[in-house]
């Protein structure tokens, strides 16, 4: 069924979307052919990922995300800014990705990565709550032949944990922060580790109610409960039976809770690719007291199942949407476009746009060695790479406000 109808399939793995949606599908869903562009969105709680808690998990995240290949990745439980260089350089090996700026708020933080060949980051802001910041990221798709740029706003969040009544009320107050600061853009995503135990919680109602809330669409629908076999295919936590100090710590208990969500605004839900919403690696086998890799997983390889268990105690959630027919716009918050780099694979020079005159920046190897440092004299800098060896590099502001990746090929 096309559009934002409740997800009523068997919740089993339905194949990867590594290509543009077929023309016939777009026609059947009513999308105009001149405006067909597909974006894969993913949310992932990366389990306190940071310099001191990496535990060899970077390579596991690389294998997992290589299967999903999201164009937009929102992460929660980020400990520090080390995730930027590690993910940009070592995880997203199939493409050219950039990140938002890291903001160190209370407790753990959010991070956004995006495919910079498909998207531009227009701006970001933090929405403080009584526990953790909620992050707002505004992106625009890059124009291509026959496809206009569209704006998409992403809210990434990690709401209060635990199932007490006071915890549920606090999650409701945190959701209200989004409601009180909600963009007027048409295409909006609210995602992350929401820690919801029921569709009757104040936070769930705040997001999904059209009368008392923000009117987001839950692609799975509201007819589910936690910890029952018949709904096993939608659960996202926990991937292991007990915490594992060698795999980031975390919690156990088996795959019996739906804590991770991608809610879509009404207009964007109408552009949800059918059967694309899923908890990646959840094969529908009841694992209420079992790990994602035992018994053997039915939809991913044994290696990927082991990776999903160790990388995080949460499964990533992903979906695909079709955009491209509404020109990009902003809410009037005076947000400025983030710097961009072109080409992302070069042999003579790269051009960086969106700089601020007087802004210091530097170029590093993937090992973190400084290659160049300088100061922007104009909004656009043409940077020579003729003396660079073949390989991947990052270019970043000295203040850490942005970081971009490019490769030199001889």
Protein backbone atom coordinates (compact mmCIF):
# COMPACT_ATOMS: atom_id res chain seq x y z
CA UNK A 1 0.00 0.00 0.00
CA UNK A 2 1.36 3.45 -0.91
CA UNK A 3 1.62 6.45 1.38
CA UNK A 4 1.77 6.60 5.14
CA UNK A 5 -0.54 3.72 6.00
CA UNK A 6 0.15 1.63 9.11
CA UNK A 7 2.78 -1.03 8.56
CA UNK A 8 0.92 -4.33 8.43
CA UNK A 9 3.43 -6.69 6.84
CA UNK A 10 4.95 -9.59 8.72
CA UNK A 11 7.76 -7.34 10.02
CA UNK A 12 10.36 -9.59 8.40
CA UNK A 13 13.39 -8.30 6.60
CA UNK A 14 12.27 -7.09 3.18
CA UNK A 15 15.50 -6.48 1.30
CA UNK A 16 17.81 -3.53 0.96
CA UNK A 17 16.99 -0.33 -0.93
CA UNK A 18 20.37 0.48 -2.47
CA UNK A 19 18.90 2.04 -5.59
CA UNK A 20 16.28 4.53 -6.67
CA UNK A 21 12.71 3.32 -6.37
CA UNK A 22 11.59 1.73 -9.66
CA UNK A 23 9.62 4.02 -11.98
CA UNK A 24 6.59 1.73 -11.92
CA UNK A 25 6.41 1.97 -8.13
CA UNK A 26 6.59 5.75 -8.22
CA UNK A 27 3.80 5.92 -10.78
CA UNK A 28 1.61 3.57 -8.76
CA UNK A 29 2.10 5.72 -5.66
CA UNK A 30 1.24 8.90 -7.49
CA UNK A 31 4.73 10.46 -7.42
CA UNK A 32 5.59 12.66 -10.37
CA UNK A 33 8.36 11.19 -12.47
CA UNK A 34 10.26 14.44 -12.78
CA UNK A 35 10.63 14.65 -9.01
CA UNK A 36 11.62 11.17 -7.89
CA UNK A 37 14.48 11.08 -5.40
CA UNK A 38 14.76 8.46 -2.67
CA UNK A 39 16.40 9.05 0.69
CA UNK A 40 17.20 6.31 3.19
CA UNK A 41 16.91 7.51 6.79
CA UNK A 42 18.32 5.66 9.78
CA UNK A 43 18.30 6.22 13.54
CA UNK A 44 20.77 4.37 15.73
CA UNK A 45 21.51 4.45 19.46
CA UNK A 46 25.27 3.84 19.35
CA UNK A 47 25.61 2.92 23.04
CA UNK A 48 27.79 5.56 24.65
CA UNK A 49 30.16 5.61 21.71
CA UNK A 50 33.27 7.63 22.44
CA UNK A 51 37.04 7.65 22.72
CA UNK A 52 37.09 5.64 25.95
CA UNK A 53 34.26 3.27 25.05
CA UNK A 54 34.97 2.34 21.42
CA UNK A 55 35.77 -1.31 22.24
CA UNK A 56 36.57 -2.15 18.63
CA UNK A 57 32.97 -1.40 17.64
CA UNK A 58 33.79 0.98 14.78
CA UNK A 59 34.43 -1.84 12.34
CA UNK A 60 31.14 -3.45 13.40
CA UNK A 61 29.23 -0.23 12.78
CA UNK A 62 30.93 -0.09 9.40
CA UNK A 63 29.66 -3.51 8.36
CA UNK A 64 26.15 -2.81 9.64
CA UNK A 65 25.77 0.58 8.04
CA UNK A 66 27.29 -0.63 4.78
CA UNK A 67 24.25 -2.90 4.49
CA UNK A 68 21.81 -0.05 5.17
CA UNK A 69 23.74 2.75 3.42
CA UNK A 70 21.59 5.56 4.81
CA UNK A 71 21.71 9.00 3.28
CA UNK A 72 20.79 10.44 6.70
CA UNK A 73 21.97 8.85 9.95
CA UNK A 74 20.86 10.22 13.33
CA UNK A 75 22.79 8.84 16.31
CA UNK A 76 22.03 8.94 20.02
CA UNK A 77 24.20 8.15 23.06
CA UNK A 78 27.25 9.84 21.59
CA UNK A 79 29.92 10.48 24.25
CA UNK A 80 32.29 12.82 22.43
CA UNK A 81 33.35 14.25 19.09
CA UNK A 82 35.63 11.32 18.24
CA UNK A 83 32.65 9.72 16.49
CA UNK A 84 32.94 12.29 13.69
CA UNK A 85 36.35 11.35 12.34
CA UNK A 86 35.86 7.64 12.98
CA UNK A 87 32.52 7.41 11.22
CA UNK A 88 33.39 9.80 8.37
CA UNK A 89 36.71 8.08 7.66
CA UNK A 90 36.26 4.47 8.77
CA UNK A 91 32.54 3.68 8.64
CA UNK A 92 31.20 5.42 5.54
CA UNK A 93 33.74 3.86 3.19
CA UNK A 94 31.29 3.55 0.29
CA UNK A 95 30.61 7.28 -0.11
CA UNK A 96 31.42 10.83 0.88
CA UNK A 97 29.77 11.75 4.17
CA UNK A 98 29.87 14.79 6.40
CA UNK A 99 28.63 15.46 9.92
CA UNK A 100 26.86 18.14 11.86
CA UNK A 101 28.83 19.96 14.53
CA UNK A 102 29.17 18.11 17.83
CA UNK A 103 27.40 19.81 20.72
CA UNK A 104 28.36 18.65 24.20
CA UNK A 105 25.24 18.94 26.30
CA UNK A 106 24.07 17.20 29.44
CA UNK A 107 24.60 13.45 29.58
CA UNK A 108 25.10 11.84 26.14
CA UNK A 109 24.50 13.64 22.88
CA UNK A 110 23.15 13.42 19.34
CA UNK A 111 25.01 13.39 16.05
CA UNK A 112 23.90 13.59 12.42
CA UNK A 113 25.76 12.24 9.40
CA UNK A 114 24.65 12.81 5.83
CA UNK A 115 25.65 11.88 2.30
CA UNK A 116 27.12 15.14 1.06
CA UNK A 117 26.69 14.13 -2.56
CA UNK A 118 22.92 14.11 -2.00
CA UNK A 119 22.36 16.58 0.84
CA UNK A 120 23.39 19.93 2.26
CA UNK A 121 23.21 20.76 5.96
CA UNK A 122 21.50 24.14 6.21
CA UNK A 123 21.66 24.49 9.96
CA UNK A 124 21.26 22.93 13.38
CA UNK A 125 20.19 23.92 16.89
CA UNK A 126 19.95 22.32 20.31
CA UNK A 127 16.73 22.10 22.30
CA UNK A 128 17.63 21.61 25.98
CA UNK A 129 15.42 19.43 28.18
CA UNK A 130 15.65 18.53 31.85
CA UNK A 131 17.85 15.53 30.97
CA UNK A 132 19.42 15.54 27.48
CA UNK A 133 19.42 17.89 24.54
CA UNK A 134 17.18 17.24 21.56
CA UNK A 135 18.89 18.14 18.28
CA UNK A 136 17.25 19.77 15.28
CA UNK A 137 18.98 19.44 11.90
CA UNK A 138 17.76 21.13 8.71
CA UNK A 139 18.92 19.60 5.44
CA UNK A 140 18.22 20.21 1.77
CA UNK A 141 18.54 17.74 -1.04
CA UNK A 142 20.91 18.84 -3.76
CA UNK A 143 19.29 19.60 -7.12
CA UNK A 144 19.82 17.07 -9.85
CA UNK A 145 18.50 16.79 -13.38
CA UNK A 146 14.70 16.95 -13.13
CA UNK A 147 14.74 17.05 -9.32
CA UNK A 148 14.28 20.21 -7.28
CA UNK A 149 15.86 20.57 -3.85
CA UNK A 150 13.61 19.74 -0.90
CA UNK A 151 13.98 20.65 2.77
CA UNK A 152 13.86 17.92 5.40
CA UNK A 153 14.10 18.64 9.13
CA UNK A 154 15.29 15.92 11.51
CA UNK A 155 14.81 15.86 15.27
CA UNK A 156 17.08 13.37 17.03
CA UNK A 157 16.42 12.58 20.68
CA UNK A 158 17.00 10.19 23.55
CA UNK A 159 14.14 10.45 26.01
CA UNK A 160 14.13 9.43 29.68
CA UNK A 161 14.55 5.71 30.32
CA UNK A 162 12.70 3.36 32.71
CA UNK A 163 9.05 2.40 32.98
CA UNK A 164 7.85 4.21 36.08
CA UNK A 165 4.94 6.64 35.95
CA UNK A 166 7.21 9.61 36.70
CA UNK A 167 9.55 8.49 33.89
CA UNK A 168 6.64 8.44 31.44
CA UNK A 169 5.57 11.92 32.53
CA UNK A 170 9.11 13.20 32.02
CA UNK A 171 9.18 11.73 28.50
CA UNK A 172 5.95 13.61 27.87
CA UNK A 173 7.57 16.87 28.96
CA UNK A 174 10.57 16.17 26.72
CA UNK A 175 8.27 15.54 23.77
CA UNK A 176 6.59 18.86 24.53
CA UNK A 177 9.93 20.59 23.92
CA UNK A 178 9.77 19.38 20.33
CA UNK A 179 6.13 20.42 20.03
CA UNK A 180 6.90 23.91 21.34
CA UNK A 181 9.80 24.35 18.89
CA UNK A 182 8.46 22.45 15.91
CA UNK A 183 9.44 23.64 12.45
CA UNK A 184 6.78 24.65 9.93
CA UNK A 185 8.53 22.69 7.18
CA UNK A 186 6.45 20.04 5.40
CA UNK A 187 8.91 17.18 5.60
CA UNK A 188 9.87 16.42 9.19
CA UNK A 189 11.38 13.41 10.94
CA UNK A 190 11.26 12.84 14.71
CA UNK A 191 13.47 9.90 15.58
CA UNK A 192 15.68 8.31 18.16
CA UNK A 193 15.59 6.24 21.33
CA UNK A 194 12.26 7.32 22.79
CA UNK A 195 12.14 4.63 25.51
CA UNK A 196 8.38 4.26 25.09
CA UNK A 197 6.68 1.32 26.77
CA UNK A 198 3.18 1.93 25.42
CA UNK A 199 1.26 3.83 22.78
CA UNK A 200 -0.77 5.29 25.66
CA UNK A 201 2.18 7.23 27.04
CA UNK A 202 1.99 11.04 27.00
CA UNK A 203 5.04 11.26 24.73
CA UNK A 204 3.62 8.88 22.12
CA UNK A 205 0.34 10.79 22.12
CA UNK A 206 2.20 14.11 21.92
CA UNK A 207 3.96 12.98 18.76
CA UNK A 208 1.14 11.17 16.98
CA UNK A 209 -2.16 12.77 17.99
CA UNK A 210 -3.56 15.21 15.43
CA UNK A 211 -5.63 16.95 18.09
CA UNK A 212 -3.45 16.88 21.23
CA UNK A 213 -0.08 16.48 19.59
CA UNK A 214 2.09 17.11 16.55
CA UNK A 215 0.38 14.74 14.16
CA UNK A 216 3.41 12.61 13.27
CA UNK A 217 2.74 9.24 11.66
CA UNK A 218 4.09 6.06 13.22
CA UNK A 219 4.63 3.79 10.18
CA UNK A 220 4.09 0.71 12.35
CA UNK A 221 0.77 1.99 13.67
CA UNK A 222 -0.42 2.00 17.27
CA UNK A 223 -1.79 -1.55 17.53
CA UNK A 224 1.14 -3.18 19.28
CA UNK A 225 2.37 -3.96 22.77
CA UNK A 226 5.77 -4.85 24.16
CA UNK A 227 7.12 -8.25 25.15
CA UNK A 228 4.74 -10.50 23.23
CA UNK A 229 5.68 -12.99 20.54
CA UNK A 230 3.18 -11.80 17.93
CA UNK A 231 4.84 -8.37 17.80
CA UNK A 232 8.43 -9.61 18.05
CA UNK A 233 9.30 -8.30 14.59
CA UNK A 234 9.07 -4.62 15.56
CA UNK A 235 11.23 -4.66 18.69
CA UNK A 236 14.57 -2.86 18.77
CA UNK A 237 16.08 -3.51 22.21
CA UNK A 238 18.02 -5.33 23.69
CA UNK A 239 20.26 -7.11 21.23
CA UNK A 240 21.93 -9.14 23.98
CA UNK A 241 20.82 -11.09 27.04
CA UNK A 242 23.13 -9.25 29.42
CA UNK A 243 25.38 -6.22 29.44
CA UNK A 244 28.77 -6.79 27.83
CA UNK A 245 31.77 -4.80 29.08
CA UNK A 246 33.71 -5.78 25.95
CA UNK A 247 30.96 -4.38 23.72
CA UNK A 248 30.24 -0.94 25.11
CA UNK A 249 28.46 -2.12 28.26
CA UNK A 250 24.74 -1.57 27.85
CA UNK A 251 21.86 -3.67 29.08
CA UNK A 252 20.46 -7.09 28.31
CA UNK A 253 17.16 -8.90 28.53
CA UNK A 254 16.61 -9.93 24.93
CA UNK A 255 14.73 -8.31 22.06
CA UNK A 256 11.42 -7.43 23.74
CA UNK A 257 10.99 -3.64 23.59
CA UNK A 258 10.27 -1.10 20.88
CA UNK A 259 12.32 1.88 22.04
CA UNK A 260 13.59 3.25 18.71
CA UNK A 261 11.35 5.11 16.26
CA UNK A 262 11.20 7.11 13.08
CA UNK A 263 8.06 9.27 13.14
CA UNK A 264 7.19 11.10 9.92
CA UNK A 265 5.18 14.28 9.41
CA UNK A 266 1.94 13.72 7.51
CA UNK A 267 3.19 15.00 4.12
CA UNK A 268 6.40 12.96 4.42
CA UNK A 269 4.52 9.83 5.52
CA UNK A 270 2.65 9.98 2.23
CA UNK A 271 6.02 9.51 0.55
CA UNK A 272 7.15 6.54 2.61
CA UNK A 273 8.36 3.75 0.33
CA UNK A 274 6.13 0.72 1.01
CA UNK A 275 7.69 -1.93 3.26
CA UNK A 276 10.86 0.10 3.76
CA UNK A 277 10.34 0.77 7.49
CA UNK A 278 12.05 -1.86 9.63
CA UNK A 279 14.26 -2.60 12.60
CA UNK A 280 17.34 -3.75 10.74
CA UNK A 281 18.33 -7.30 11.61
CA UNK A 282 15.05 -8.16 13.33
CA UNK A 283 13.95 -11.36 11.60
CA UNK A 284 10.58 -11.67 13.34
CA UNK A 285 11.73 -14.69 15.35
CA UNK A 286 10.58 -14.24 18.97
CA UNK A 287 13.71 -13.37 20.96
CA UNK A 288 12.03 -12.03 24.07
CA UNK A 289 14.78 -13.50 26.27
CA UNK A 290 17.34 -14.16 23.57
CA UNK A 291 20.04 -12.29 21.67
CA UNK A 292 19.78 -11.11 18.08
CA UNK A 293 22.34 -13.76 17.07
CA UNK A 294 21.05 -16.74 19.05
CA UNK A 295 19.20 -18.67 17.73
CA UNK A 296 20.82 -17.99 14.33
CA UNK A 297 19.41 -14.91 12.66
CA UNK A 298 17.28 -15.57 9.58
CA UNK A 299 17.79 -12.31 7.65
CA UNK A 300 21.40 -11.28 8.15
CA UNK A 301 24.65 -13.23 8.11
CA UNK A 302 26.14 -14.71 11.27
CA UNK A 303 28.83 -12.01 11.15
CA UNK A 304 26.27 -9.20 10.93
CA UNK A 305 24.19 -10.73 13.72
CA UNK A 306 27.29 -10.79 15.93
CA UNK A 307 27.99 -7.19 14.91
CA UNK A 308 24.46 -6.09 15.81
CA UNK A 309 24.75 -7.73 19.23
CA UNK A 310 28.11 -6.16 20.04
CA UNK A 311 27.90 -2.73 18.36
CA UNK A 312 24.96 -1.60 20.51
CA UNK A 313 22.19 -2.90 22.72
CA UNK A 314 19.75 -1.31 20.22
CA UNK A 315 18.97 -2.19 16.63
CA UNK A 316 19.07 0.55 13.99
CA UNK A 317 15.72 1.55 12.51
CA UNK A 318 15.53 2.60 8.87
CA UNK A 319 13.06 3.65 6.19
CA UNK A 320 13.05 5.25 2.74
CA UNK A 321 11.10 8.28 1.54
CA UNK A 322 10.63 9.88 -1.87
CA UNK A 323 11.15 13.64 -2.09
CA UNK A 324 12.00 16.18 -4.75
CA UNK A 325 9.08 18.35 -5.76
CA UNK A 326 9.04 21.11 -3.11
CA UNK A 327 11.83 23.72 -3.23
CA UNK A 328 14.01 23.99 -0.15
CA UNK A 329 12.98 26.57 2.42
CA UNK A 330 13.84 27.58 5.97
CA UNK A 331 11.77 28.60 8.97
CA UNK A 332 13.26 32.08 9.13
CA UNK A 333 15.65 31.27 11.96
CA UNK A 334 18.55 32.94 10.08
CA UNK A 335 20.26 29.59 9.66
CA UNK A 336 23.23 29.68 7.33
CA UNK A 337 24.26 26.81 5.06
CA UNK A 338 27.08 24.69 6.41
CA UNK A 339 30.29 24.52 4.31
CA UNK A 340 30.32 22.08 1.40
CA UNK A 341 33.15 20.56 -0.61
CA UNK A 342 33.33 19.70 -4.30
CA UNK A 343 34.46 17.46 -5.85
CA UNK A 344 34.62 14.80 -3.17
CA UNK A 345 37.10 12.78 -5.24
CA UNK A 346 39.86 14.94 -6.70
CA UNK A 347 43.36 14.91 -8.17
CA UNK A 348 44.16 18.62 -8.52
CA UNK A 349 41.97 20.72 -6.22
CA UNK A 350 38.82 20.88 -4.12
CA UNK A 351 36.51 23.85 -3.66
CA UNK A 352 35.02 24.64 -0.26
CA UNK A 353 31.95 26.88 -0.19
CA UNK A 354 29.99 28.43 2.68
CA UNK A 355 33.04 29.54 4.65
CA UNK A 356 33.20 32.64 6.80
CA UNK A 357 36.04 35.04 5.88
CA UNK A 358 38.71 34.81 8.57
CA UNK A 359 37.64 31.29 9.58
CA UNK A 360 40.61 28.99 10.33
CA UNK A 361 40.47 25.47 8.89
CA UNK A 362 42.80 22.51 8.49
CA UNK A 363 43.23 19.30 6.48
CA UNK A 364 44.09 15.96 8.12
CA UNK A 365 44.87 12.43 7.01
CA UNK A 366 42.71 9.58 8.27
CA UNK A 367 45.44 8.95 10.85
CA UNK A 368 44.92 12.47 12.19
CA UNK A 369 48.15 13.94 10.82
CA UNK A 370 47.97 17.64 9.95
CA UNK A 371 48.50 18.25 6.22
CA UNK A 372 47.50 21.90 5.91
CA UNK A 373 46.21 24.75 8.03
CA UNK A 374 45.07 28.13 6.88
CA UNK A 375 42.44 30.84 7.11
CA UNK A 376 39.59 31.47 4.67
CA UNK A 377 39.87 34.82 2.91
CA UNK A 378 36.49 34.57 1.14
CA UNK A 379 33.32 32.49 1.35
CA UNK A 380 34.74 30.13 -1.28
CA UNK A 381 38.23 28.63 -1.15
CA UNK A 382 39.94 26.69 -3.94
CA UNK A 383 42.37 24.32 -2.24
CA UNK A 384 45.14 22.56 -4.15
CA UNK A 385 45.73 18.85 -3.47
CA UNK A 386 48.46 18.34 -6.07
CA UNK A 387 50.99 17.49 -3.37
CA UNK A 388 48.72 15.05 -1.54
CA UNK A 389 49.20 11.30 -1.70
CA UNK A 390 46.25 9.15 -2.76
CA UNK A 391 43.90 8.49 0.12
CA UNK A 392 41.05 9.87 2.21
CA UNK A 393 41.27 13.22 4.01
CA UNK A 394 39.13 15.38 6.26
CA UNK A 395 38.93 19.16 6.22
CA UNK A 396 37.56 20.80 9.35
CA UNK A 397 37.10 24.15 11.03
CA UNK A 398 39.59 24.86 13.78
CA UNK A 399 36.67 25.42 16.16
CA UNK A 400 35.18 22.00 15.37
CA UNK A 401 31.97 23.49 13.96
CA UNK A 402 32.07 21.36 10.81
CA UNK A 403 34.04 18.55 9.18
CA UNK A 404 33.99 17.33 5.57
CA UNK A 405 35.61 14.39 3.81
CA UNK A 406 37.23 14.01 0.42
CA UNK A 407 39.54 11.60 -1.36
CA UNK A 408 42.57 12.10 -3.57
CA UNK A 409 43.00 9.61 -6.39
CA UNK A 410 46.03 9.58 -8.67
